[in-house]
Amino acid sequence: MAGLPVYRWRLAPKGLATFRQLRAMGLRPAGQPVVAQLERPRRQRGPLVAYLYRIDLARPIRPMTPAKRAALAKANAARRICPECGHDAGYRIPTSLGMCVPCADAPAQSAA
């Protein structure tokens, strides 16, 4: 994001936090704009950037309602069903595969 101050890793001023740090404090950004960037150096692919928010403008995390909990459970259950074989995989199917691991490995074994 252009025009934002950029701070090096571990050198951000007090009063600013990343999204994960806010979550650990039981807070959320609550629609506030990003005020700065935190840059962590990486050797091969360039710097890793995290956005910083003001802690004083953050609000408490909304509690999980029973309806939200039920909707989340239903969505996670749907992601466990393999579209190829129709079985419950016992884990959330990776989006990179699009099917359970045994179904993804089956064509590779039959071609060999």
Protein backbone atom coordinates (compact mmCIF):
# COMPACT_ATOMS: atom_id res chain seq x y z
CA MET A 1 0.00 0.00 0.00
CA ALA A 2 1.47 3.27 -1.10
CA GLY A 3 2.06 6.12 1.30
CA LEU A 4 2.10 4.06 4.48
CA PRO A 5 5.02 4.20 6.90
CA VAL A 6 7.11 1.02 6.80
CA TYR A 7 8.76 -0.32 9.96
CA ARG A 8 11.37 -3.03 10.18
CA TRP A 9 10.73 -6.26 12.05
CA ARG A 10 10.37 -5.68 15.83
CA LEU A 11 10.75 -1.89 15.46
CA ALA A 12 7.10 -0.82 15.22
CA PRO A 13 6.04 1.88 17.69
CA LYS A 14 3.89 1.12 20.72
CA GLY A 15 0.17 1.27 20.10
CA LEU A 16 0.27 -0.62 16.78
CA ALA A 17 -0.38 -4.32 16.29
CA THR A 18 -0.83 -6.84 13.47
CA PHE A 19 -4.13 -8.64 12.95
CA ARG A 20 -2.82 -11.74 14.70
CA GLN A 21 -1.55 -9.72 17.64
CA LEU A 22 -4.97 -8.05 17.94
CA ARG A 23 -6.62 -11.49 17.91
CA ALA A 24 -4.30 -12.69 20.67
CA MET A 25 -5.45 -9.69 22.73
CA GLY A 26 -9.10 -10.54 22.08
CA LEU A 27 -9.55 -7.60 19.70
CA ARG A 28 -10.46 -6.98 16.04
CA PRO A 29 -9.60 -4.06 13.73
CA ALA A 30 -13.32 -3.07 13.49
CA GLY A 31 -13.09 -1.53 10.02
CA GLN A 32 -10.26 0.86 10.76
CA PRO A 33 -7.79 1.53 7.95
CA VAL A 34 -4.27 0.12 7.90
CA VAL A 35 -1.92 2.72 9.41
CA ALA A 36 1.49 1.19 8.69
CA GLN A 37 3.34 -1.84 7.38
CA LEU A 38 5.74 -4.14 9.15
CA GLU A 39 8.48 -5.57 6.96
CA ARG A 40 10.28 -8.78 7.83
CA PRO A 41 13.35 -9.50 5.71
CA ARG A 42 13.48 -12.77 3.77
CA ARG A 43 16.51 -13.96 1.89
CA GLN A 44 15.10 -15.38 -1.32
CA ARG A 45 11.68 -13.98 -2.22
CA GLY A 46 11.78 -10.44 -0.90
CA PRO A 47 10.33 -9.01 2.30
CA LEU A 48 7.28 -10.37 4.08
CA VAL A 49 4.78 -7.60 4.86
CA ALA A 50 2.23 -7.41 7.67
CA TYR A 51 -0.26 -4.58 8.13
CA LEU A 52 -0.45 -2.67 11.41
CA TYR A 53 -3.59 -1.34 13.10
CA ARG A 54 -4.08 1.04 16.02
CA ILE A 55 -4.81 -0.80 19.27
CA ASP A 56 -6.82 2.08 20.75
CA LEU A 57 -9.35 1.90 17.86
CA ALA A 58 -9.71 -1.88 18.02
CA ARG A 59 -12.86 -3.41 19.46
CA PRO A 60 -13.52 -6.69 21.26
CA ILE A 61 -14.06 -9.81 19.18
CA ARG A 62 -17.73 -10.61 18.65
CA PRO A 63 -18.77 -13.78 20.48
CA MET A 64 -19.66 -16.87 18.46
CA THR A 65 -23.44 -17.29 18.32
CA PRO A 66 -25.08 -20.73 18.23
CA ALA A 67 -26.26 -20.06 14.66
CA LYS A 68 -22.73 -19.14 13.53
CA ARG A 69 -21.31 -22.20 15.25
CA ALA A 70 -23.87 -24.45 13.51
CA ALA A 71 -23.18 -22.86 10.10
CA LEU A 72 -19.43 -23.29 10.57
CA ALA A 73 -19.85 -26.94 11.59
CA LYS A 74 -22.03 -27.56 8.52
CA ALA A 75 -19.50 -25.89 6.19
CA ASN A 76 -16.59 -27.87 7.66
CA ALA A 77 -18.59 -31.12 7.37
CA ALA A 78 -19.25 -30.37 3.69
CA ARG A 79 -15.52 -29.88 3.08
CA ARG A 80 -14.85 -33.37 4.47
CA ILE A 81 -16.94 -35.17 1.81
CA CYS A 82 -14.91 -36.23 -1.22
CA PRO A 83 -16.63 -35.26 -4.51
CA GLU A 84 -15.05 -38.26 -6.27
CA CYS A 85 -15.92 -41.17 -3.98
CA GLY A 86 -18.53 -39.50 -1.74
CA HIS A 87 -16.97 -40.74 1.51
CA ASP A 88 -16.21 -38.69 4.61
CA ALA A 89 -12.43 -38.32 4.48
CA GLY A 90 -12.12 -37.62 8.22
CA TYR A 91 -10.30 -34.34 7.48
CA ARG A 92 -10.96 -31.21 5.44
CA ILE A 93 -10.11 -32.01 1.83
CA PRO A 94 -7.26 -29.80 0.53
CA THR A 95 -8.42 -27.34 -2.12
CA SER A 96 -5.19 -28.02 -4.02
CA LEU A 97 -6.28 -31.64 -4.57
CA GLY A 98 -10.04 -31.16 -4.82
CA MET A 99 -10.56 -34.73 -3.60
CA CYS A 100 -9.41 -37.00 -0.78
CA VAL A 101 -5.82 -38.23 -0.81
CA PRO A 102 -6.65 -41.86 -1.78
CA CYS A 103 -8.67 -40.62 -4.80
CA ALA A 104 -5.89 -38.20 -5.76
CA ASP A 105 -3.29 -41.00 -5.56
CA ALA A 106 -5.41 -43.62 -7.38
CA PRO A 107 -4.78 -42.39 -10.97
CA ALA A 108 -1.04 -42.17 -10.34
CA GLN A 109 -0.96 -45.78 -9.12
CA SER A 110 -3.01 -47.19 -12.04
CA ALA A 111 -0.86 -45.38 -14.63
CA ALA A 112 2.36 -46.94 -13.28
